[in-house]
């Protein structure tokens, strides 16, 4: 990976966590971006990612998603897409701007564990998101759609049932 993230470039580690069934991190992130386009309310985050990528001349979906999720608010948007009884919010009067990204990520993780009853092993740690190695970010990307079927099932409505089969014409033999 060539593009720097917010505090320096990621450290790519060639290990079993970074490889999944022959799928590269690049492929995983491309698939994740496609699925995120289906999440209600996520469009502004995708548009912002594209705008930032154009401005930086970047075509790296890993760095793009990593930077997006590090802002924290996109994670809040993902959680709120599940239409919880109480949507997550960050109160700007209580949380200084510099601390909002980590506060939002923390609230997202807390809500996944408590409100959605995610198994702890299916979640990532704050250090996975804000660290500088790709192993941590792979944990983040796997905890989000489409890698986590559990999470994705909360974010998108179930597909409509298939239409009933058409009646077969009667044949006279």
N, C-alpha and C. Protein backbone atom coordinates (compact mmCIF):
# COMPACT_ATOMS: atom_id res chain seq x y z
N UNK A 1 0.81 -1.17 0.00
CA UNK A 1 0.00 0.00 0.00
C UNK A 1 0.86 1.23 0.00
N UNK A 2 0.55 2.14 -0.90
CA UNK A 2 1.40 3.31 -1.03
C UNK A 2 0.84 4.53 -0.34
N UNK A 3 -0.48 4.70 -0.31
CA UNK A 3 -1.07 5.93 0.20
C UNK A 3 -1.03 6.02 1.70
N UNK A 4 -0.59 7.18 2.23
CA UNK A 4 -0.59 7.33 3.67
C UNK A 4 -2.00 7.50 4.19
N UNK A 5 -2.21 7.06 5.40
CA UNK A 5 -3.48 7.29 6.06
C UNK A 5 -3.34 8.60 6.83
N UNK A 6 -4.04 8.75 7.90
CA UNK A 6 -4.03 10.03 8.58
C UNK A 6 -2.72 10.32 9.30
N UNK A 7 -2.02 9.30 9.82
CA UNK A 7 -0.80 9.56 10.57
C UNK A 7 0.39 8.82 10.01
N UNK A 8 0.32 8.37 8.80
CA UNK A 8 1.41 7.62 8.20
C UNK A 8 0.85 6.45 7.44
N UNK A 9 1.71 5.74 6.74
CA UNK A 9 1.26 4.63 5.93
C UNK A 9 1.00 3.39 6.76
N UNK A 10 0.09 2.56 6.32
CA UNK A 10 -0.17 1.30 7.03
C UNK A 10 1.00 0.36 6.85
N UNK A 11 1.16 -0.52 7.79
CA UNK A 11 2.21 -1.52 7.72
C UNK A 11 1.55 -2.81 7.26
N UNK A 12 1.79 -3.21 6.02
CA UNK A 12 1.17 -4.42 5.48
C UNK A 12 1.85 -5.64 6.07
N UNK A 13 1.05 -6.52 6.62
CA UNK A 13 1.57 -7.76 7.18
C UNK A 13 1.05 -8.91 6.34
N UNK A 14 1.96 -9.78 5.91
CA UNK A 14 1.55 -10.94 5.14
C UNK A 14 1.31 -12.07 6.13
N UNK A 15 0.06 -12.22 6.54
CA UNK A 15 -0.28 -13.29 7.46
C UNK A 15 -1.65 -13.85 7.11
N UNK A 16 -2.05 -14.85 7.82
CA UNK A 16 -3.29 -15.57 7.51
C UNK A 16 -4.52 -14.68 7.68
N UNK A 17 -4.46 -13.69 8.57
CA UNK A 17 -5.60 -12.81 8.79
C UNK A 17 -5.82 -11.92 7.58
N UNK A 18 -4.76 -11.53 6.91
CA UNK A 18 -4.88 -10.64 5.76
C UNK A 18 -5.25 -11.38 4.49
N UNK A 19 -5.32 -12.68 4.52
CA UNK A 19 -5.74 -13.46 3.37
C UNK A 19 -6.97 -14.26 3.76
N UNK A 20 -7.99 -14.19 2.95
CA UNK A 20 -9.23 -14.90 3.28
C UNK A 20 -9.73 -15.64 2.06
N UNK A 21 -9.56 -16.90 2.06
CA UNK A 21 -10.09 -17.70 0.96
C UNK A 21 -9.63 -17.21 -0.40
N UNK A 22 -8.39 -16.75 -0.48
CA UNK A 22 -7.86 -16.27 -1.74
C UNK A 22 -8.25 -14.83 -2.06
N UNK A 23 -9.05 -14.20 -1.20
CA UNK A 23 -9.48 -12.83 -1.44
C UNK A 23 -8.49 -11.87 -0.81
N UNK A 24 -8.01 -10.94 -1.60
CA UNK A 24 -7.05 -9.96 -1.10
C UNK A 24 -7.76 -8.86 -0.32
N UNK A 25 -6.99 -8.07 0.41
CA UNK A 25 -7.56 -6.92 1.11
C UNK A 25 -8.23 -5.98 0.13
N UNK A 26 -7.61 -5.81 -1.02
CA UNK A 26 -8.16 -4.94 -2.06
C UNK A 26 -9.55 -5.43 -2.45
N UNK A 27 -9.67 -6.73 -2.73
CA UNK A 27 -10.96 -7.30 -3.13
C UNK A 27 -11.98 -7.19 -2.00
N UNK A 28 -11.55 -7.47 -0.79
CA UNK A 28 -12.43 -7.37 0.37
C UNK A 28 -13.00 -5.96 0.47
N UNK A 29 -12.13 -4.96 0.34
CA UNK A 29 -12.56 -3.57 0.47
C UNK A 29 -13.43 -3.13 -0.70
N UNK A 30 -13.13 -3.61 -1.90
CA UNK A 30 -13.98 -3.28 -3.05
C UNK A 30 -15.39 -3.86 -2.83
N UNK A 31 -15.47 -5.09 -2.36
CA UNK A 31 -16.76 -5.71 -2.08
C UNK A 31 -17.50 -4.96 -0.97
N UNK A 32 -16.76 -4.55 0.04
CA UNK A 32 -17.36 -3.81 1.14
C UNK A 32 -17.92 -2.48 0.65
N UNK A 33 -17.18 -1.78 -0.20
CA UNK A 33 -17.69 -0.50 -0.74
C UNK A 33 -18.98 -0.72 -1.53
N UNK A 34 -19.04 -1.79 -2.30
CA UNK A 34 -20.26 -2.08 -3.07
C UNK A 34 -21.44 -2.33 -2.13
N UNK A 35 -21.20 -3.08 -1.07
CA UNK A 35 -22.28 -3.38 -0.13
C UNK A 35 -22.71 -2.14 0.65
N UNK A 36 -21.73 -1.29 0.99
CA UNK A 36 -22.06 -0.06 1.72
C UNK A 36 -22.97 0.85 0.91
N UNK A 37 -22.87 0.77 -0.41
CA UNK A 37 -23.74 1.57 -1.28
C UNK A 37 -25.21 1.19 -1.10
N UNK A 38 -25.47 0.00 -0.57
CA UNK A 38 -26.84 -0.46 -0.34
C UNK A 38 -27.39 -0.05 1.01
N UNK A 39 -26.52 0.45 1.90
CA UNK A 39 -26.94 0.80 3.25
C UNK A 39 -27.63 2.16 3.24
N UNK A 40 -28.86 2.22 3.71
CA UNK A 40 -29.59 3.50 3.71
C UNK A 40 -28.81 4.58 4.49
N UNK A 41 -28.67 5.74 3.88
CA UNK A 41 -28.02 6.87 4.53
C UNK A 41 -26.51 6.90 4.41
N UNK A 42 -25.91 5.90 3.77
CA UNK A 42 -24.44 5.86 3.69
C UNK A 42 -23.90 6.59 2.46
N UNK A 43 -24.78 6.99 1.55
CA UNK A 43 -24.35 7.64 0.31
C UNK A 43 -23.44 8.85 0.52
N UNK A 44 -23.75 9.75 1.49
CA UNK A 44 -22.86 10.91 1.68
C UNK A 44 -21.42 10.53 2.04
N UNK A 45 -21.26 9.45 2.79
CA UNK A 45 -19.92 9.00 3.17
C UNK A 45 -19.16 8.46 1.94
N UNK A 46 -19.88 7.74 1.09
CA UNK A 46 -19.25 7.23 -0.13
C UNK A 46 -18.86 8.39 -1.05
N UNK A 47 -19.72 9.39 -1.15
CA UNK A 47 -19.42 10.56 -1.99
C UNK A 47 -18.20 11.30 -1.44
N UNK A 48 -18.12 11.43 -0.13
CA UNK A 48 -16.97 12.10 0.49
C UNK A 48 -15.69 11.31 0.24
N UNK A 49 -15.78 9.98 0.32
CA UNK A 49 -14.61 9.14 0.06
C UNK A 49 -14.14 9.35 -1.38
N UNK A 50 -15.06 9.34 -2.32
CA UNK A 50 -14.70 9.53 -3.74
C UNK A 50 -14.07 10.89 -3.96
N UNK A 51 -14.62 11.91 -3.33
CA UNK A 51 -14.08 13.27 -3.48
C UNK A 51 -12.65 13.34 -2.91
N UNK A 52 -12.44 12.76 -1.75
CA UNK A 52 -11.10 12.75 -1.15
C UNK A 52 -10.13 11.94 -2.00
N UNK A 53 -10.58 10.82 -2.54
CA UNK A 53 -9.73 10.00 -3.40
C UNK A 53 -9.31 10.77 -4.65
N UNK A 54 -10.27 11.47 -5.26
CA UNK A 54 -9.94 12.28 -6.44
C UNK A 54 -8.93 13.37 -6.10
N UNK A 55 -9.14 14.05 -4.98
CA UNK A 55 -8.26 15.14 -4.57
C UNK A 55 -6.83 14.65 -4.32
N UNK A 56 -6.72 13.42 -3.79
CA UNK A 56 -5.40 12.86 -3.48
C UNK A 56 -4.85 12.03 -4.64
N UNK A 57 -5.65 11.80 -5.67
CA UNK A 57 -5.22 10.96 -6.78
C UNK A 57 -5.06 9.51 -6.35
N UNK A 58 -5.88 9.08 -5.41
CA UNK A 58 -5.78 7.73 -4.85
C UNK A 58 -6.80 6.80 -5.49
N UNK A 59 -6.39 5.56 -5.69
CA UNK A 59 -7.31 4.52 -6.16
C UNK A 59 -7.29 3.32 -5.21
N UNK A 60 -6.84 3.55 -3.99
CA UNK A 60 -6.67 2.48 -3.00
C UNK A 60 -7.92 2.36 -2.13
N UNK A 61 -8.76 1.34 -2.35
CA UNK A 61 -9.98 1.21 -1.55
C UNK A 61 -9.70 0.90 -0.08
N UNK A 62 -8.55 0.30 0.21
CA UNK A 62 -8.23 -0.01 1.61
C UNK A 62 -8.02 1.28 2.39
N UNK A 63 -7.14 2.14 1.90
CA UNK A 63 -6.88 3.42 2.57
C UNK A 63 -8.14 4.28 2.60
N UNK A 64 -8.91 4.24 1.54
CA UNK A 64 -10.13 5.03 1.45
C UNK A 64 -11.13 4.63 2.54
N UNK A 65 -11.39 3.34 2.67
CA UNK A 65 -12.31 2.87 3.71
C UNK A 65 -11.76 3.09 5.10
N UNK A 66 -10.46 2.85 5.26
CA UNK A 66 -9.83 3.02 6.56
C UNK A 66 -9.99 4.46 7.02
N UNK A 67 -9.70 5.41 6.15
CA UNK A 67 -9.86 6.82 6.49
C UNK A 67 -11.32 7.16 6.78
N UNK A 68 -12.22 6.60 6.01
CA UNK A 68 -13.64 6.84 6.21
C UNK A 68 -14.08 6.37 7.60
N UNK A 69 -13.78 5.15 7.95
CA UNK A 69 -14.22 4.61 9.24
C UNK A 69 -13.53 5.28 10.41
N UNK A 70 -12.31 5.77 10.20
CA UNK A 70 -11.61 6.49 11.26
C UNK A 70 -12.29 7.80 11.62
N UNK A 71 -13.15 8.28 10.77
CA UNK A 71 -13.91 9.51 11.08
C UNK A 71 -14.99 9.22 12.11
N UNK A 72 -15.35 7.96 12.31
CA UNK A 72 -16.31 7.57 13.33
C UNK A 72 -17.77 7.72 12.94
N UNK A 73 -18.13 8.84 12.39
CA UNK A 73 -19.54 9.10 12.04
C UNK A 73 -20.08 8.08 11.04
N UNK A 74 -19.28 7.63 10.05
CA UNK A 74 -19.82 6.58 9.17
C UNK A 74 -20.21 5.30 9.94
N UNK A 75 -19.54 5.01 11.02
CA UNK A 75 -19.92 3.85 11.83
C UNK A 75 -21.27 4.09 12.51
N UNK A 76 -21.47 5.32 12.97
CA UNK A 76 -22.76 5.69 13.56
C UNK A 76 -23.86 5.53 12.51
N UNK A 77 -23.58 5.98 11.29
CA UNK A 77 -24.55 5.85 10.19
C UNK A 77 -24.89 4.37 9.96
N UNK A 78 -23.87 3.51 9.97
CA UNK A 78 -24.13 2.07 9.78
C UNK A 78 -25.04 1.53 10.88
N UNK A 79 -24.72 1.88 12.11
CA UNK A 79 -25.55 1.38 13.21
C UNK A 79 -26.98 1.91 13.07
N UNK A 80 -27.12 3.19 12.80
CA UNK A 80 -28.45 3.79 12.70
C UNK A 80 -29.26 3.25 11.52
N UNK A 81 -28.57 2.70 10.52
CA UNK A 81 -29.28 2.09 9.38
C UNK A 81 -30.07 0.86 9.82
N UNK A 82 -29.72 0.32 10.97
CA UNK A 82 -30.45 -0.85 11.49
C UNK A 82 -31.76 -0.43 12.17
N UNK A 83 -32.04 0.87 12.17
CA UNK A 83 -33.26 1.43 12.76
C UNK A 83 -33.44 1.01 14.22
N UNK A 84 -32.43 1.32 15.05
CA UNK A 84 -32.55 0.97 16.47
C UNK A 84 -33.62 1.81 17.16
N UNK A 85 -34.06 1.35 18.31
CA UNK A 85 -35.04 2.13 19.08
C UNK A 85 -34.48 3.50 19.42
N UNK A 86 -33.19 3.54 19.77
CA UNK A 86 -32.52 4.80 20.07
C UNK A 86 -31.32 4.97 19.15
N UNK A 87 -31.42 5.82 18.14
CA UNK A 87 -30.27 6.04 17.25
C UNK A 87 -29.08 6.60 18.01
N UNK A 88 -27.89 6.25 17.55
CA UNK A 88 -26.68 6.78 18.16
C UNK A 88 -26.46 8.21 17.69
N UNK A 89 -25.95 9.03 18.60
CA UNK A 89 -25.62 10.41 18.28
C UNK A 89 -24.36 10.81 19.04
N UNK A 90 -23.67 11.78 18.50
CA UNK A 90 -22.55 12.40 19.18
C UNK A 90 -22.97 13.84 19.42
N UNK A 91 -23.05 14.24 20.67
CA UNK A 91 -23.47 15.59 21.03
C UNK A 91 -22.28 16.54 20.90
N UNK A 92 -22.30 17.43 19.90
CA UNK A 92 -21.18 18.35 19.71
C UNK A 92 -20.94 19.28 20.89
N UNK A 93 -21.97 19.50 21.71
CA UNK A 93 -21.80 20.36 22.88
C UNK A 93 -21.01 19.65 23.99
N UNK A 94 -21.03 18.32 23.97
CA UNK A 94 -20.35 17.56 25.02
C UNK A 94 -19.02 16.96 24.59
N UNK A 95 -18.85 16.73 23.29
CA UNK A 95 -17.63 16.07 22.80
C UNK A 95 -16.86 17.03 21.89
N UNK A 96 -15.64 17.39 22.29
CA UNK A 96 -14.85 18.28 21.42
C UNK A 96 -14.62 17.65 20.06
N UNK A 97 -14.52 18.49 19.04
CA UNK A 97 -14.40 18.01 17.66
C UNK A 97 -13.26 17.01 17.48
N UNK A 98 -12.13 17.26 18.10
CA UNK A 98 -10.97 16.37 17.94
C UNK A 98 -11.23 14.97 18.50
N UNK A 99 -12.15 14.85 19.44
CA UNK A 99 -12.42 13.55 20.08
C UNK A 99 -13.64 12.84 19.49
N UNK A 100 -14.35 13.49 18.59
CA UNK A 100 -15.58 12.90 18.04
C UNK A 100 -15.36 11.60 17.28
N UNK A 101 -14.31 11.49 16.45
CA UNK A 101 -14.15 10.23 15.73
C UNK A 101 -14.02 9.00 16.66
N UNK A 102 -13.17 9.09 17.66
CA UNK A 102 -13.00 7.94 18.56
C UNK A 102 -14.23 7.75 19.44
N UNK A 103 -14.88 8.83 19.82
CA UNK A 103 -16.11 8.71 20.61
C UNK A 103 -17.19 8.00 19.80
N UNK A 104 -17.30 8.34 18.52
CA UNK A 104 -18.29 7.69 17.65
C UNK A 104 -17.96 6.21 17.46
N UNK A 105 -16.69 5.89 17.25
CA UNK A 105 -16.28 4.48 17.09
C UNK A 105 -16.57 3.71 18.36
N UNK A 106 -16.29 4.31 19.50
CA UNK A 106 -16.56 3.64 20.78
C UNK A 106 -18.06 3.39 20.94
N UNK A 107 -18.88 4.40 20.67
CA UNK A 107 -20.33 4.23 20.78
C UNK A 107 -20.84 3.13 19.85
N UNK A 108 -20.29 3.09 18.63
CA UNK A 108 -20.66 2.06 17.66
C UNK A 108 -20.37 0.67 18.24
N UNK A 109 -19.15 0.48 18.73
CA UNK A 109 -18.77 -0.82 19.28
C UNK A 109 -19.62 -1.18 20.49
N UNK A 110 -19.82 -0.23 21.36
CA UNK A 110 -20.64 -0.46 22.55
C UNK A 110 -22.07 -0.87 22.16
N UNK A 111 -22.63 -0.19 21.18
CA UNK A 111 -23.99 -0.50 20.72
C UNK A 111 -24.06 -1.88 20.06
N UNK A 112 -23.03 -2.22 19.29
CA UNK A 112 -23.02 -3.56 18.66
C UNK A 112 -23.01 -4.65 19.72
N UNK A 113 -22.21 -4.45 20.75
CA UNK A 113 -22.10 -5.46 21.81
C UNK A 113 -23.35 -5.51 22.67
N UNK A 114 -23.87 -4.36 23.05
CA UNK A 114 -24.99 -4.32 23.99
C UNK A 114 -26.35 -4.39 23.31
N UNK A 115 -26.58 -3.54 22.32
CA UNK A 115 -27.91 -3.46 21.72
C UNK A 115 -28.17 -4.56 20.69
N UNK A 116 -27.14 -4.94 19.95
CA UNK A 116 -27.31 -5.96 18.92
C UNK A 116 -26.83 -7.34 19.38
N UNK A 117 -26.28 -7.39 20.58
CA UNK A 117 -25.80 -8.64 21.18
C UNK A 117 -24.79 -9.36 20.29
N UNK A 118 -23.90 -8.58 19.68
CA UNK A 118 -22.82 -9.20 18.89
C UNK A 118 -21.91 -9.98 19.82
N UNK A 119 -21.46 -11.13 19.40
CA UNK A 119 -20.41 -11.82 20.17
C UNK A 119 -19.15 -10.95 20.15
N UNK A 120 -18.47 -10.85 21.28
CA UNK A 120 -17.30 -9.99 21.38
C UNK A 120 -16.25 -10.32 20.33
N UNK A 121 -16.10 -11.60 20.00
CA UNK A 121 -15.09 -11.99 19.01
C UNK A 121 -15.44 -11.52 17.60
N UNK A 122 -16.70 -11.11 17.36
CA UNK A 122 -17.09 -10.61 16.05
C UNK A 122 -16.85 -9.11 15.90
N UNK A 123 -16.45 -8.45 16.97
CA UNK A 123 -16.19 -7.02 16.92
C UNK A 123 -14.70 -6.74 16.82
N UNK A 124 -14.37 -5.51 16.56
CA UNK A 124 -12.98 -5.09 16.52
C UNK A 124 -12.71 -4.19 17.71
N UNK A 125 -11.46 -3.88 17.92
CA UNK A 125 -11.06 -2.99 19.00
C UNK A 125 -10.79 -1.60 18.42
N UNK A 126 -10.88 -0.60 19.25
CA UNK A 126 -10.55 0.77 18.82
C UNK A 126 -9.14 0.80 18.23
N UNK A 127 -8.22 0.07 18.85
CA UNK A 127 -6.83 0.06 18.36
C UNK A 127 -6.72 -0.59 16.99
N UNK A 128 -7.64 -1.49 16.64
CA UNK A 128 -7.64 -2.08 15.30
C UNK A 128 -7.95 -1.00 14.25
N UNK A 129 -8.86 -0.12 14.58
CA UNK A 129 -9.27 0.93 13.66
C UNK A 129 -8.23 2.05 13.58
N UNK A 130 -7.67 2.43 14.70
CA UNK A 130 -6.76 3.58 14.72
C UNK A 130 -5.29 3.19 14.72
N UNK A 131 -5.00 1.90 14.68
CA UNK A 131 -3.63 1.45 14.58
C UNK A 131 -3.11 1.64 13.16
N UNK A 132 -1.90 1.22 12.93
CA UNK A 132 -1.26 1.44 11.62
C UNK A 132 -0.93 0.15 10.88
N UNK A 133 -1.51 -0.99 11.28
CA UNK A 133 -1.20 -2.20 10.51
C UNK A 133 -2.47 -2.79 9.91
N UNK A 134 -2.29 -3.45 8.81
CA UNK A 134 -3.42 -3.96 8.04
C UNK A 134 -4.15 -5.11 8.74
N UNK A 135 -3.48 -5.81 9.63
CA UNK A 135 -4.15 -6.89 10.35
C UNK A 135 -5.31 -6.33 11.15
N UNK A 136 -5.09 -5.22 11.82
CA UNK A 136 -6.15 -4.59 12.60
C UNK A 136 -7.29 -4.13 11.71
N UNK A 137 -6.95 -3.53 10.58
CA UNK A 137 -8.02 -3.04 9.71
C UNK A 137 -8.80 -4.20 9.11
N UNK A 138 -8.18 -5.34 8.87
CA UNK A 138 -8.93 -6.48 8.36
C UNK A 138 -9.97 -6.94 9.37
N UNK A 139 -9.65 -6.83 10.67
CA UNK A 139 -10.65 -7.15 11.69
C UNK A 139 -11.82 -6.19 11.60
N UNK A 140 -11.52 -4.91 11.36
CA UNK A 140 -12.58 -3.91 11.21
C UNK A 140 -13.44 -4.25 10.00
N UNK A 141 -12.81 -4.49 8.86
CA UNK A 141 -13.57 -4.73 7.63
C UNK A 141 -14.39 -6.01 7.71
N UNK A 142 -13.94 -6.97 8.48
CA UNK A 142 -14.70 -8.23 8.62
C UNK A 142 -15.86 -8.11 9.59
N UNK A 143 -15.81 -7.10 10.45
CA UNK A 143 -16.90 -6.91 11.40
C UNK A 143 -18.05 -6.13 10.75
N UNK A 144 -17.82 -5.60 9.56
CA UNK A 144 -18.82 -4.79 8.86
C UNK A 144 -19.31 -5.53 7.63
N UNK A 145 -20.44 -5.09 7.07
CA UNK A 145 -20.95 -5.75 5.87
C UNK A 145 -19.96 -5.66 4.74
N UNK A 146 -19.85 -6.60 3.83
CA UNK A 146 -20.63 -7.82 3.76
C UNK A 146 -20.00 -8.98 4.52
N UNK A 147 -18.83 -8.79 5.12
CA UNK A 147 -18.14 -9.87 5.80
C UNK A 147 -18.92 -10.39 6.99
N UNK A 148 -19.61 -9.54 7.71
CA UNK A 148 -20.37 -9.96 8.88
C UNK A 148 -21.84 -10.09 8.51
N UNK A 149 -22.26 -11.28 8.27
CA UNK A 149 -23.67 -11.50 7.93
C UNK A 149 -24.55 -11.06 9.09
N UNK A 150 -24.05 -11.25 10.32
CA UNK A 150 -24.82 -10.85 11.50
C UNK A 150 -25.10 -9.35 11.48
N UNK A 151 -24.08 -8.55 11.23
CA UNK A 151 -24.28 -7.10 11.20
C UNK A 151 -25.13 -6.71 10.01
N UNK A 152 -24.84 -7.27 8.87
CA UNK A 152 -25.53 -6.87 7.66
C UNK A 152 -27.02 -7.18 7.74
N UNK A 153 -27.37 -8.23 8.45
CA UNK A 153 -28.78 -8.58 8.57
C UNK A 153 -29.56 -7.50 9.30
N UNK A 154 -28.89 -6.71 10.13
CA UNK A 154 -29.56 -5.62 10.84
C UNK A 154 -29.68 -4.37 9.97
N UNK A 155 -28.76 -4.17 9.03
CA UNK A 155 -28.70 -2.92 8.28
C UNK A 155 -29.62 -2.85 7.08
N UNK A 156 -29.85 -3.95 6.44
CA UNK A 156 -30.67 -3.93 5.23
C UNK A 156 -31.94 -4.71 5.44
N UNK A 157 -33.01 -4.23 4.86
CA UNK A 157 -34.24 -5.01 4.95
C UNK A 157 -34.07 -6.33 4.20
N UNK A 158 -34.81 -7.30 4.63
CA UNK A 158 -34.76 -8.59 3.95
C UNK A 158 -35.25 -8.40 2.52
N UNK A 159 -34.65 -9.15 1.59
CA UNK A 159 -35.13 -9.02 0.22
C UNK A 159 -36.58 -9.48 0.13
N UNK A 160 -37.33 -8.91 -0.81
CA UNK A 160 -38.73 -9.33 -0.94
C UNK A 160 -38.79 -10.79 -1.36
N UNK A 161 -39.88 -11.46 -1.00
CA UNK A 161 -40.00 -12.86 -1.39
C UNK A 161 -40.11 -12.96 -2.91
N UNK A 162 -39.69 -14.07 -3.48
CA UNK A 162 -39.80 -14.23 -4.93
C UNK A 162 -41.27 -14.27 -5.33
N UNK A 163 -41.56 -13.86 -6.56
CA UNK A 163 -42.96 -13.91 -7.01
C UNK A 163 -43.41 -15.36 -7.13
N UNK A 164 -44.71 -15.58 -7.02
CA UNK A 164 -45.19 -16.96 -7.16
C UNK A 164 -44.95 -17.45 -8.57
N UNK A 165 -44.79 -18.75 -8.73
CA UNK A 165 -44.56 -19.28 -10.08
C UNK A 165 -45.79 -19.04 -10.95
N UNK A 166 -45.52 -18.84 -12.22
CA UNK A 166 -46.61 -18.65 -13.18
C UNK A 166 -47.31 -19.98 -13.40
N UNK A 167 -48.63 -19.94 -13.58
CA UNK A 167 -49.35 -21.20 -13.84
C UNK A 167 -48.92 -21.76 -15.18
N UNK A 168 -48.82 -23.04 -15.23
CA UNK A 168 -48.45 -23.70 -16.48
C UNK A 168 -49.69 -23.87 -17.35
N UNK A 169 -49.55 -23.62 -18.63
CA UNK A 169 -50.72 -23.81 -19.50
C UNK A 169 -51.11 -25.30 -19.56
N UNK A 170 -52.38 -25.53 -19.62
CA UNK A 170 -52.86 -26.91 -19.69
C UNK A 170 -52.56 -27.47 -21.07
N UNK A 171 -52.15 -28.69 -21.09
CA UNK A 171 -51.86 -29.34 -22.36
C UNK A 171 -52.88 -30.46 -22.59
N UNK A 172 -53.39 -30.50 -23.76
CA UNK A 172 -54.33 -31.58 -24.13
C UNK A 172 -53.59 -32.62 -24.92
N UNK A 173 -53.56 -33.79 -24.40
CA UNK A 173 -52.86 -34.86 -25.10
C UNK A 173 -53.82 -35.93 -25.52
